[in-house]
Amino acid sequence: MNLSAEEARLLFSRWKDESAPVRVRLSNNSVMFDGVGVTEINADTLHFSGPAWQFTVPLAGAEFSFSDPREIPVASVREAETAEYEFGVAITLASGDRLVLLEMKNHQPE
């Protein structure tokens, strides 16, 4: 389901306010990053950090989509994903890079 930039910012703000752990998966043609950390948002960037890493991505020109693991049609996959994640947001950055954010259940940042 498509998500407006304003709706996405509301989710990101909630994650920041609650210090919710988020699985971050950033990929492009040459790099794949996967980690769990916390998020912070300002006017036009999203900042992620864990105990030993941090990075910032620009949100200008990004496209957002929302996913809920409870809507996965395959029961075994749905159960596994629902046990680990609340919901997810996929972001296609203006550069073409893809960022997937998954709000974790019962997990401490790495």
PDB file of N, CA and C in Angstrom:
ATOM      1  N   MET A   1       0.852  -1.164   0.000  1.00  0.00           N
ATOM      2  CA  MET A   1       0.000   0.000   0.000  1.00  0.00           C
ATOM      3  C   MET A   1       0.902   1.232   0.000  1.00  0.00           C
ATOM      4  N   ASN A   2       0.640   2.156  -0.911  1.00  0.00           N
ATOM      5  CA  ASN A   2       1.419   3.393  -0.963  1.00  0.00           C
ATOM      6  C   ASN A   2       1.171   4.227   0.281  1.00  0.00           C
ATOM      7  N   LEU A   3       2.177   4.951   0.658  1.00  0.00           N
ATOM      8  CA  LEU A   3       2.161   5.763   1.865  1.00  0.00           C
ATOM      9  C   LEU A   3       2.641   7.149   1.470  1.00  0.00           C
ATOM     10  N   SER A   4       1.961   8.178   1.935  1.00  0.00           N
ATOM     11  CA  SER A   4       2.424   9.533   1.632  1.00  0.00           C
ATOM     12  C   SER A   4       3.647   9.845   2.497  1.00  0.00           C
ATOM     13  N   ALA A   5       4.396  10.844   2.094  1.00  0.00           N
ATOM     14  CA  ALA A   5       5.563  11.259   2.872  1.00  0.00           C
ATOM     15  C   ALA A   5       5.150  11.687   4.280  1.00  0.00           C
ATOM     16  N   GLU A   6       3.998  12.348   4.394  1.00  0.00           N
ATOM     17  CA  GLU A   6       3.521  12.792   5.709  1.00  0.00           C
ATOM     18  C   GLU A   6       3.169  11.601   6.600  1.00  0.00           C
ATOM     19  N   GLU A   7       2.511  10.580   6.026  1.00  0.00           N
ATOM     20  CA  GLU A   7       2.177   9.380   6.804  1.00  0.00           C
ATOM     21  C   GLU A   7       3.451   8.654   7.235  1.00  0.00           C
ATOM     22  N   ALA A   8       4.416   8.572   6.338  1.00  0.00           N
ATOM     23  CA  ALA A   8       5.683   7.926   6.681  1.00  0.00           C
ATOM     24  C   ALA A   8       6.383   8.675   7.810  1.00  0.00           C
ATOM     25  N   ARG A   9       6.374   9.993   7.749  1.00  0.00           N
ATOM     26  CA  ARG A   9       7.008  10.799   8.804  1.00  0.00           C
ATOM     27  C   ARG A   9       6.350  10.569  10.161  1.00  0.00           C
ATOM     28  N   LEU A  10       5.039  10.362  10.172  1.00  0.00           N
ATOM     29  CA  LEU A  10       4.350  10.060  11.434  1.00  0.00           C
ATOM     30  C   LEU A  10       4.861   8.744  12.028  1.00  0.00           C
ATOM     31  N   LEU A  11       5.047   7.731  11.187  1.00  0.00           N
ATOM     32  CA  LEU A  11       5.583   6.452  11.671  1.00  0.00           C
ATOM     33  C   LEU A  11       7.009   6.619  12.176  1.00  0.00           C
ATOM     34  N   PHE A  12       7.839   7.333  11.413  1.00  0.00           N
ATOM     35  CA  PHE A  12       9.227   7.537  11.823  1.00  0.00           C
ATOM     36  C   PHE A  12       9.297   8.308  13.148  1.00  0.00           C
ATOM     37  N   SER A  13       8.428   9.294  13.310  1.00  0.00           N
ATOM     38  CA  SER A  13       8.393  10.069  14.559  1.00  0.00           C
ATOM     39  C   SER A  13       7.989   9.186  15.724  1.00  0.00           C
ATOM     40  N   ARG A  14       7.037   8.286  15.498  1.00  0.00           N
ATOM     41  CA  ARG A  14       6.631   7.357  16.553  1.00  0.00           C
ATOM     42  C   ARG A  14       7.794   6.456  16.949  1.00  0.00           C
ATOM     43  N   TRP A  15       8.525   5.938  15.962  1.00  0.00           N
ATOM     44  CA  TRP A  15       9.686   5.104  16.274  1.00  0.00           C
ATOM     45  C   TRP A  15      10.699   5.875  17.101  1.00  0.00           C
ATOM     46  N   LYS A  16      10.922   7.137  16.745  1.00  0.00           N
ATOM     47  CA  LYS A  16      11.876   7.960  17.496  1.00  0.00           C
ATOM     48  C   LYS A  16      11.377   8.178  18.920  1.00  0.00           C
ATOM     49  N   ASP A  17      10.111   8.576  19.064  1.00  0.00           N
ATOM     50  CA  ASP A  17       9.554   8.874  20.385  1.00  0.00           C
ATOM     51  C   ASP A  17       9.572   7.658  21.303  1.00  0.00           C
ATOM     52  N   GLU A  18       9.345   6.477  20.736  1.00  0.00           N
ATOM     53  CA  GLU A  18       9.287   5.253  21.532  1.00  0.00           C
ATOM     54  C   GLU A  18      10.621   4.518  21.579  1.00  0.00           C
ATOM     55  N   SER A  19      11.640   5.063  20.903  1.00  0.00           N
ATOM     56  CA  SER A  19      12.938   4.383  20.768  1.00  0.00           C
ATOM     57  C   SER A  19      12.746   2.946  20.299  1.00  0.00           C
ATOM     58  N   ALA A  20      11.801   2.760  19.367  1.00  0.00           N
ATOM     59  CA  ALA A  20      11.484   1.433  18.847  1.00  0.00           C
ATOM     60  C   ALA A  20      12.648   0.888  18.032  1.00  0.00           C
ATOM     61  N   PRO A  21      13.047  -0.360  18.280  1.00  0.00           N
ATOM     62  CA  PRO A  21      14.099  -0.957  17.462  1.00  0.00           C
ATOM     63  C   PRO A  21      13.576  -1.227  16.048  1.00  0.00           C
ATOM     64  N   VAL A  22      14.395  -0.877  15.069  1.00  0.00           N
ATOM     65  CA  VAL A  22      14.003  -1.007  13.667  1.00  0.00           C
ATOM     66  C   VAL A  22      15.089  -1.776  12.924  1.00  0.00           C
ATOM     67  N   ARG A  23      14.681  -2.810  12.181  1.00  0.00           N
ATOM     68  CA  ARG A  23      15.622  -3.491  11.280  1.00  0.00           C
ATOM     69  C   ARG A  23      15.741  -2.635  10.037  1.00  0.00           C
ATOM     70  N   VAL A  24      16.962  -2.315   9.670  1.00  0.00           N
ATOM     71  CA  VAL A  24      17.261  -1.445   8.543  1.00  0.00           C
ATOM     72  C   VAL A  24      17.972  -2.271   7.484  1.00  0.00           C
ATOM     73  N   ARG A  25      17.416  -2.290   6.287  1.00  0.00           N
ATOM     74  CA  ARG A  25      18.055  -2.989   5.166  1.00  0.00           C
ATOM     75  C   ARG A  25      18.172  -2.008   4.011  1.00  0.00           C
ATOM     76  N   LEU A  26      19.395  -1.631   3.724  1.00  0.00           N
ATOM     77  CA  LEU A  26      19.676  -0.693   2.635  1.00  0.00           C
ATOM     78  C   LEU A  26      20.404  -1.457   1.542  1.00  0.00           C
ATOM     79  N   SER A  27      19.908  -1.324   0.319  1.00  0.00           N
ATOM     80  CA  SER A  27      20.578  -2.032  -0.771  1.00  0.00           C
ATOM     81  C   SER A  27      20.622  -1.173  -2.021  1.00  0.00           C
ATOM     82  N   ASN A  28      21.703  -1.374  -2.758  1.00  0.00           N
ATOM     83  CA  ASN A  28      21.851  -0.796  -4.090  1.00  0.00           C
ATOM     84  C   ASN A  28      22.642  -1.807  -4.913  1.00  0.00           C
ATOM     85  N   ASN A  29      23.166  -1.411  -6.039  1.00  0.00           N
ATOM     86  CA  ASN A  29      23.868  -2.358  -6.907  1.00  0.00           C
ATOM     87  C   ASN A  29      25.155  -2.913  -6.309  1.00  0.00           C
ATOM     88  N   SER A  30      25.770  -2.214  -5.381  1.00  0.00           N
ATOM     89  CA  SER A  30      27.063  -2.669  -4.879  1.00  0.00           C
ATOM     90  C   SER A  30      27.142  -2.887  -3.369  1.00  0.00           C
ATOM     91  N   VAL A  31      26.126  -2.505  -2.615  1.00  0.00           N
ATOM     92  CA  VAL A  31      26.187  -2.619  -1.161  1.00  0.00           C
ATOM     93  C   VAL A  31      24.867  -3.142  -0.609  1.00  0.00           C
ATOM     94  N   MET A  32      24.990  -4.001   0.415  1.00  0.00           N
ATOM     95  CA  MET A  32      23.818  -4.441   1.165  1.00  0.00           C
ATOM     96  C   MET A  32      24.144  -4.242   2.638  1.00  0.00           C
ATOM     97  N   PHE A  33      23.336  -3.441   3.328  1.00  0.00           N
ATOM     98  CA  PHE A  33      23.523  -3.218   4.754  1.00  0.00           C
ATOM     99  C   PHE A  33      22.296  -3.751   5.472  1.00  0.00           C
ATOM    100  N   ASP A  34      22.512  -4.448   6.588  1.00  0.00           N
ATOM    101  CA  ASP A  34      21.420  -4.976   7.394  1.00  0.00           C
ATOM    102  C   ASP A  34      21.817  -4.820   8.855  1.00  0.00           C
ATOM    103  N   GLY A  35      21.005  -4.103   9.624  1.00  0.00           N
ATOM    104  CA  GLY A  35      21.287  -3.908  11.032  1.00  0.00           C
ATOM    105  C   GLY A  35      20.028  -3.543  11.787  1.00  0.00           C
ATOM    106  N   VAL A  36      20.119  -3.557  13.102  1.00  0.00           N
ATOM    107  CA  VAL A  36      19.005  -3.151  13.959  1.00  0.00           C
ATOM    108  C   VAL A  36      19.465  -1.961  14.776  1.00  0.00           C
ATOM    109  N   GLY A  37      18.665  -0.910  14.779  1.00  0.00           N
ATOM    110  CA  GLY A  37      19.016   0.290  15.521  1.00  0.00           C
ATOM    111  C   GLY A  37      17.798   1.147  15.763  1.00  0.00           C
ATOM    112  N   VAL A  38      18.037   2.413  15.996  1.00  0.00           N
ATOM    113  CA  VAL A  38      16.955   3.366  16.240  1.00  0.00           C
ATOM    114  C   VAL A  38      16.994   4.424  15.152  1.00  0.00           C
ATOM    115  N   THR A  39      15.901   5.160  15.043  1.00  0.00           N
ATOM    116  CA  THR A  39      15.770   6.139  13.971  1.00  0.00           C
ATOM    117  C   THR A  39      15.503   7.522  14.521  1.00  0.00           C
ATOM    118  N   GLU A  40      15.906   8.509  13.738  1.00  0.00           N
ATOM    119  CA  GLU A  40      15.618   9.906  14.055  1.00  0.00           C
ATOM    120  C   GLU A  40      15.321  10.606  12.737  1.00  0.00           C
ATOM    121  N   ILE A  41      14.350  11.486  12.746  1.00  0.00           N
ATOM    122  CA  ILE A  41      13.969  12.174  11.514  1.00  0.00           C
ATOM    123  C   ILE A  41      14.054  13.672  11.718  1.00  0.00           C
ATOM    124  N   ASN A  42      14.475  14.375  10.662  1.00  0.00           N
ATOM    125  CA  ASN A  42      14.349  15.828  10.657  1.00  0.00           C
ATOM    126  C   ASN A  42      13.614  16.194   9.377  1.00  0.00           C
ATOM    127  N   ALA A  43      13.652  17.408   8.973  1.00  0.00           N
ATOM    128  CA  ALA A  43      12.830  17.890   7.862  1.00  0.00           C
ATOM    129  C   ALA A  43      12.976  17.073   6.588  1.00  0.00           C
ATOM    130  N   ASP A  44      14.192  16.710   6.220  1.00  0.00           N
ATOM    131  CA  ASP A  44      14.351  16.036   4.936  1.00  0.00           C
ATOM    132  C   ASP A  44      15.363  14.901   4.938  1.00  0.00           C
ATOM    133  N   THR A  45      15.709  14.383   6.126  1.00  0.00           N
ATOM    134  CA  THR A  45      16.594  13.223   6.217  1.00  0.00           C
ATOM    135  C   THR A  45      16.106  12.271   7.298  1.00  0.00           C
ATOM    136  N   LEU A  46      16.527  11.037   7.156  1.00  0.00           N
ATOM    137  CA  LEU A  46      16.237  10.001   8.137  1.00  0.00           C
ATOM    138  C   LEU A  46      17.582   9.457   8.600  1.00  0.00           C
ATOM    139  N   HIS A  47      17.804   9.462   9.902  1.00  0.00           N
ATOM    140  CA  HIS A  47      19.086   9.053  10.476  1.00  0.00           C
ATOM    141  C   HIS A  47      18.873   7.754  11.245  1.00  0.00           C
ATOM    142  N   PHE A  48      19.777   6.785  11.034  1.00  0.00           N
ATOM    143  CA  PHE A  48      19.728   5.506  11.738  1.00  0.00           C
ATOM    144  C   PHE A  48      21.022   5.319  12.493  1.00  0.00           C
ATOM    145  N   SER A  49      20.935   4.652  13.651  1.00  0.00           N
ATOM    146  CA  SER A  49      22.163   4.363  14.386  1.00  0.00           C
ATOM    147  C   SER A  49      21.986   3.142  15.262  1.00  0.00           C
ATOM    148  N   GLY A  50      23.094   2.439  15.429  1.00  0.00           N
ATOM    149  CA  GLY A  50      23.232   1.335  16.355  1.00  0.00           C
ATOM    150  C   GLY A  50      24.465   1.622  17.191  1.00  0.00           C
ATOM    151  N   PRO A  51      24.836   0.732  18.099  1.00  0.00           N
ATOM    152  CA  PRO A  51      25.993   0.992  18.961  1.00  0.00           C
ATOM    153  C   PRO A  51      27.294   1.238  18.209  1.00  0.00           C
ATOM    154  N   ALA A  52      27.473   0.633  17.035  1.00  0.00           N
ATOM    155  CA  ALA A  52      28.746   0.777  16.331  1.00  0.00           C
ATOM    156  C   ALA A  52      28.595   1.265  14.893  1.00  0.00           C
ATOM    157  N   TRP A  53      27.458   1.820  14.540  1.00  0.00           N
ATOM    158  CA  TRP A  53      27.242   2.289  13.174  1.00  0.00           C
ATOM    159  C   TRP A  53      26.204   3.399  13.154  1.00  0.00           C
ATOM    160  N   GLN A  54      26.220   4.161  12.081  1.00  0.00           N
ATOM    161  CA  GLN A  54      25.207   5.189  11.850  1.00  0.00           C
ATOM    162  C   GLN A  54      25.251   5.626  10.391  1.00  0.00           C
ATOM    163  N   PHE A  55      24.117   6.029   9.862  1.00  0.00           N
ATOM    164  CA  PHE A  55      24.071   6.621   8.532  1.00  0.00           C
ATOM    165  C   PHE A  55      22.804   7.434   8.381  1.00  0.00           C
ATOM    166  N   THR A  56      22.811   8.322   7.398  1.00  0.00           N
ATOM    167  CA  THR A  56      21.701   9.228   7.138  1.00  0.00           C
ATOM    168  C   THR A  56      21.315   9.114   5.671  1.00  0.00           C
ATOM    169  N   VAL A  57      20.012   9.108   5.391  1.00  0.00           N
ATOM    170  CA  VAL A  57      19.536   9.067   4.010  1.00  0.00           C
ATOM    171  C   VAL A  57      18.635  10.272   3.751  1.00  0.00           C
ATOM    172  N   PRO A  58      18.745  10.859   2.559  1.00  0.00           N
ATOM    173  CA  PRO A  58      17.865  11.973   2.192  1.00  0.00           C
ATOM    174  C   PRO A  58      16.494  11.439   1.777  1.00  0.00           C
ATOM    175  N   LEU A  59      15.443  12.143   2.178  1.00  0.00           N
ATOM    176  CA  LEU A  59      14.088  11.711   1.846  1.00  0.00           C
ATOM    177  C   LEU A  59      13.484  12.464   0.662  1.00  0.00           C
ATOM    178  N   ALA A  60      14.154  13.503   0.178  1.00  0.00           N
ATOM    179  CA  ALA A  60      13.626  14.266  -0.962  1.00  0.00           C
ATOM    180  C   ALA A  60      13.464  13.342  -2.165  1.00  0.00           C
ATOM    181  N   GLY A  61      12.285  13.336  -2.743  1.00  0.00           N
ATOM    182  CA  GLY A  61      12.012  12.526  -3.921  1.00  0.00           C
ATOM    183  C   GLY A  61      11.792  11.052  -3.644  1.00  0.00           C
ATOM    184  N   ALA A  62      11.730  10.662  -2.372  1.00  0.00           N
ATOM    185  CA  ALA A  62      11.535   9.252  -2.023  1.00  0.00           C
ATOM    186  C   ALA A  62      10.069   8.846  -2.190  1.00  0.00           C
ATOM    187  N   GLU A  63       9.870   7.543  -2.450  1.00  0.00           N
ATOM    188  CA  GLU A  63       8.533   6.968  -2.522  1.00  0.00           C
ATOM    189  C   GLU A  63       8.418   5.926  -1.416  1.00  0.00           C
ATOM    190  N   PHE A  64       7.266   5.884  -0.747  1.00  0.00           N
ATOM    191  CA  PHE A  64       7.066   5.045   0.431  1.00  0.00           C
ATOM    192  C   PHE A  64       5.941   4.038   0.195  1.00  0.00           C
ATOM    193  N   SER A  65       6.100   2.854   0.767  1.00  0.00           N
ATOM    194  CA  SER A  65       5.004   1.888   0.781  1.00  0.00           C
ATOM    195  C   SER A  65       5.004   1.176   2.127  1.00  0.00           C
ATOM    196  N   PHE A  66       3.833   0.807   2.582  1.00  0.00           N
ATOM    197  CA  PHE A  66       3.605   0.210   3.888  1.00  0.00           C
ATOM    198  C   PHE A  66       3.290  -1.273   3.711  1.00  0.00           C
ATOM    199  N   SER A  67       3.764  -2.100   4.634  1.00  0.00           N
ATOM    200  CA  SER A  67       3.391  -3.515   4.614  1.00  0.00           C
ATOM    201  C   SER A  67       3.104  -3.986   6.035  1.00  0.00           C
ATOM    202  N   ASP A  68       2.152  -4.874   6.121  1.00  0.00           N
ATOM    203  CA  ASP A  68       1.744  -5.461   7.398  1.00  0.00           C
ATOM    204  C   ASP A  68       1.936  -6.966   7.281  1.00  0.00           C
ATOM    205  N   PRO A  69       2.773  -7.566   8.141  1.00  0.00           N
ATOM    206  CA  PRO A  69       3.022  -9.006   8.006  1.00  0.00           C
ATOM    207  C   PRO A  69       1.761  -9.854   8.198  1.00  0.00           C
ATOM    208  N   ARG A  70       0.745  -9.307   8.829  1.00  0.00           N
ATOM    209  CA  ARG A  70      -0.506 -10.069   9.014  1.00  0.00           C
ATOM    210  C   ARG A  70      -1.260 -10.257   7.705  1.00  0.00           C
ATOM    211  N   GLU A  71      -0.837  -9.536   6.657  1.00  0.00           N
ATOM    212  CA  GLU A  71      -1.482  -9.641   5.354  1.00  0.00           C
ATOM    213  C   GLU A  71      -0.762 -10.587   4.397  1.00  0.00           C
ATOM    214  N   ILE A  72       0.290 -11.249   4.854  1.00  0.00           N
ATOM    215  CA  ILE A  72       1.023 -12.196   4.001  1.00  0.00           C
ATOM    216  C   ILE A  72       0.134 -13.408   3.761  1.00  0.00           C
ATOM    217  N   PRO A  73      -0.080 -13.793   2.501  1.00  0.00           N
ATOM    218  CA  PRO A  73      -1.017 -14.878   2.207  1.00  0.00           C
ATOM    219  C   PRO A  73      -0.548 -16.277   2.622  1.00  0.00           C
ATOM    220  N   VAL A  74       0.753 -16.549   2.652  1.00  0.00           N
ATOM    221  CA  VAL A  74       1.257 -17.872   3.014  1.00  0.00           C
ATOM    222  C   VAL A  74       1.338 -17.967   4.534  1.00  0.00           C
ATOM    223  N   ALA A  75       0.575 -18.888   5.109  1.00  0.00           N
ATOM    224  CA  ALA A  75       0.432 -18.971   6.571  1.00  0.00           C
ATOM    225  C   ALA A  75       1.761 -19.129   7.298  1.00  0.00           C
ATOM    226  N   SER A  76       2.641 -20.008   6.841  1.00  0.00           N
ATOM    227  CA  SER A  76       3.903 -20.239   7.547  1.00  0.00           C
ATOM    228  C   SER A  76       4.787 -18.992   7.531  1.00  0.00           C
ATOM    229  N   VAL A  77       4.818 -18.288   6.407  1.00  0.00           N
ATOM    230  CA  VAL A  77       5.594 -17.055   6.304  1.00  0.00           C
ATOM    231  C   VAL A  77       4.950 -15.970   7.160  1.00  0.00           C
ATOM    232  N   ARG A  78       3.629 -15.866   7.100  1.00  0.00           N
ATOM    233  CA  ARG A  78       2.902 -14.872   7.895  1.00  0.00           C
ATOM    234  C   ARG A  78       3.189 -15.054   9.379  1.00  0.00           C
ATOM    235  N   GLU A  79       3.139 -16.301   9.879  1.00  0.00           N
ATOM    236  CA  GLU A  79       3.388 -16.560  11.301  1.00  0.00           C
ATOM    237  C   GLU A  79       4.813 -16.187  11.708  1.00  0.00           C
ATOM    238  N   ALA A  80       5.776 -16.555  10.870  1.00  0.00           N
ATOM    239  CA  ALA A  80       7.175 -16.243  11.181  1.00  0.00           C
ATOM    240  C   ALA A  80       7.419 -14.735  11.195  1.00  0.00           C
ATOM    241  N   GLU A  81       6.917 -14.038  10.198  1.00  0.00           N
ATOM    242  CA  GLU A  81       7.118 -12.591  10.109  1.00  0.00           C
ATOM    243  C   GLU A  81       6.351 -11.847  11.202  1.00  0.00           C
ATOM    244  N   THR A  82       5.134 -12.273  11.486  1.00  0.00           N
ATOM    245  CA  THR A  82       4.321 -11.619  12.517  1.00  0.00           C
ATOM    246  C   THR A  82       4.943 -11.779  13.901  1.00  0.00           C
ATOM    247  N   ALA A  83       5.630 -12.892  14.132  1.00  0.00           N
ATOM    248  CA  ALA A  83       6.279 -13.116  15.426  1.00  0.00           C
ATOM    249  C   ALA A  83       7.454 -12.170  15.642  1.00  0.00           C
ATOM    250  N   GLU A  84       8.066 -11.706  14.547  1.00  0.00           N
ATOM    251  CA  GLU A  84       9.262 -10.883  14.660  1.00  0.00           C
ATOM    252  C   GLU A  84       9.040  -9.398  14.408  1.00  0.00           C
ATOM    253  N   TYR A  85       8.080  -9.047  13.530  1.00  0.00           N
ATOM    254  CA  TYR A  85       7.904  -7.662  13.104  1.00  0.00           C
ATOM    255  C   TYR A  85       6.487  -7.152  13.334  1.00  0.00           C
ATOM    256  N   GLU A  86       6.389  -5.864  13.670  1.00  0.00           N
ATOM    257  CA  GLU A  86       5.091  -5.196  13.773  1.00  0.00           C
ATOM    258  C   GLU A  86       4.562  -4.852  12.381  1.00  0.00           C
ATOM    259  N   PHE A  87       5.365  -4.095  11.620  1.00  0.00           N
ATOM    260  CA  PHE A  87       5.023  -3.714  10.250  1.00  0.00           C
ATOM    261  C   PHE A  87       6.278  -3.184   9.579  1.00  0.00           C
ATOM    262  N   GLY A  88       6.161  -2.900   8.287  1.00  0.00           N
ATOM    263  CA  GLY A  88       7.324  -2.434   7.554  1.00  0.00           C
ATOM    264  C   GLY A  88       7.011  -1.274   6.642  1.00  0.00           C
ATOM    265  N   VAL A  89       8.061  -0.532   6.305  1.00  0.00           N
ATOM    266  CA  VAL A  89       7.979   0.562   5.351  1.00  0.00           C
ATOM    267  C   VAL A  89       9.131   0.370   4.369  1.00  0.00           C
ATOM    268  N   ALA A  90       8.800   0.318   3.090  1.00  0.00           N
ATOM    269  CA  ALA A  90       9.821   0.260   2.047  1.00  0.00           C
ATOM    270  C   ALA A  90       9.937   1.651   1.443  1.00  0.00           C
ATOM    271  N   ILE A  91      11.172   2.078   1.239  1.00  0.00           N
ATOM    272  CA  ILE A  91      11.426   3.404   0.684  1.00  0.00           C
ATOM    273  C   ILE A  91      12.313   3.247  -0.548  1.00  0.00           C
ATOM    274  N   THR A  92      11.867   3.785  -1.651  1.00  0.00           N
ATOM    275  CA  THR A  92      12.706   3.875  -2.835  1.00  0.00           C
ATOM    276  C   THR A  92      13.230   5.304  -2.860  1.00  0.00           C
ATOM    277  N   LEU A  93      14.529   5.443  -2.647  1.00  0.00           N
ATOM    278  CA  LEU A  93      15.147   6.762  -2.590  1.00  0.00           C
ATOM    279  C   LEU A  93      15.281   7.336  -4.003  1.00  0.00           C
ATOM    280  N   ALA A  94      15.453   8.640  -4.095  1.00  0.00           N
ATOM    281  CA  ALA A  94      15.595   9.302  -5.394  1.00  0.00           C
ATOM    282  C   ALA A  94      16.767   8.729  -6.195  1.00  0.00           C
ATOM    283  N   SER A  95      17.779   8.217  -5.517  1.00  0.00           N
ATOM    284  CA  SER A  95      18.949   7.621  -6.172  1.00  0.00           C
ATOM    285  C   SER A  95      18.646   6.261  -6.784  1.00  0.00           C
ATOM    286  N   GLY A  96      17.482   5.676  -6.407  1.00  0.00           N
ATOM    287  CA  GLY A  96      17.137   4.332  -6.850  1.00  0.00           C
ATOM    288  C   GLY A  96      17.461   3.279  -5.803  1.00  0.00           C
ATOM    289  N   ASP A  97      18.222   3.659  -4.772  1.00  0.00           N
ATOM    290  CA  ASP A  97      18.528   2.728  -3.685  1.00  0.00           C
ATOM    291  C   ASP A  97      17.243   2.366  -2.961  1.00  0.00           C
ATOM    292  N   ARG A  98      17.235   1.184  -2.373  1.00  0.00           N
ATOM    293  CA  ARG A  98      16.042   0.702  -1.677  1.00  0.00           C
ATOM    294  C   ARG A  98      16.357   0.546  -0.198  1.00  0.00           C
ATOM    295  N   LEU A  99      15.459   1.052   0.626  1.00  0.00           N
ATOM    296  CA  LEU A  99      15.593   0.988   2.073  1.00  0.00           C
ATOM    297  C   LEU A  99      14.336   0.333   2.623  1.00  0.00           C
ATOM    298  N   VAL A 100      14.512  -0.743   3.379  1.00  0.00           N
ATOM    299  CA  VAL A 100      13.387  -1.435   3.997  1.00  0.00           C
ATOM    300  C   VAL A 100      13.541  -1.298   5.503  1.00  0.00           C
ATOM    301  N   LEU A 101      12.491  -0.836   6.160  1.00  0.00           N
ATOM    302  CA  LEU A 101      12.483  -0.629   7.604  1.00  0.00           C
ATOM    303  C   LEU A 101      11.405  -1.513   8.206  1.00  0.00           C
ATOM    304  N   LEU A 102      11.771  -2.286   9.207  1.00  0.00           N
ATOM    305  CA  LEU A 102      10.833  -3.193   9.850  1.00  0.00           C
ATOM    306  C   LEU A 102      10.838  -2.934  11.348  1.00  0.00           C
ATOM    307  N   GLU A 103       9.701  -2.546  11.900  1.00  0.00           N
ATOM    308  CA  GLU A 103       9.626  -2.343  13.348  1.00  0.00           C
ATOM    309  C   GLU A 103       9.654  -3.701  14.031  1.00  0.00           C
ATOM    310  N   MET A 104      10.652  -3.882  14.893  1.00  0.00           N
ATOM    311  CA  MET A 104      10.875  -5.163  15.565  1.00  0.00           C
ATOM    312  C   MET A 104       9.972  -5.319  16.791  1.00  0.00           C
ATOM    313  N   LYS A 105       9.675  -6.561  17.109  1.00  0.00           N
ATOM    314  CA  LYS A 105       9.009  -6.902  18.366  1.00  0.00           C
ATOM    315  C   LYS A 105      10.066  -7.454  19.323  1.00  0.00           C
ATOM    316  N   ASN A 106      10.045  -7.014  20.559  1.00  0.00           N
ATOM    317  CA  ASN A 106      10.893  -7.601  21.614  1.00  0.00           C
ATOM    318  C   ASN A 106      12.330  -7.822  21.199  1.00  0.00           C
ATOM    319  N   HIS A 107      12.999  -6.801  20.714  1.00  0.00           N
ATOM    320  CA  HIS A 107      14.379  -6.926  20.275  1.00  0.00           C
ATOM    321  C   HIS A 107      15.146  -5.702  20.720  1.00  0.00           C
ATOM    322  N   GLN A 108      16.349  -5.902  21.186  1.00  0.00           N
ATOM    323  CA  GLN A 108      17.208  -4.787  21.572  1.00  0.00           C
ATOM    324  C   GLN A 108      18.110  -4.428  20.409  1.00  0.00           C
ATOM    325  N   PRO A 109      18.415  -3.144  20.205  1.00  0.00           N
ATOM    326  CA  PRO A 109      19.330  -2.758  19.124  1.00  0.00           C
ATOM    327  C   PRO A 109      20.669  -3.462  19.246  1.00  0.00           C
ATOM    328  N   GLU A 110      21.277  -3.778  18.093  1.00  0.00           N
ATOM    329  CA  GLU A 110      22.591  -4.451  18.075  1.00  0.00           C
ATOM    330  C   GLU A 110      23.690  -3.489  18.434  1.00  0.00           C
TER     331      GLU A 110
END
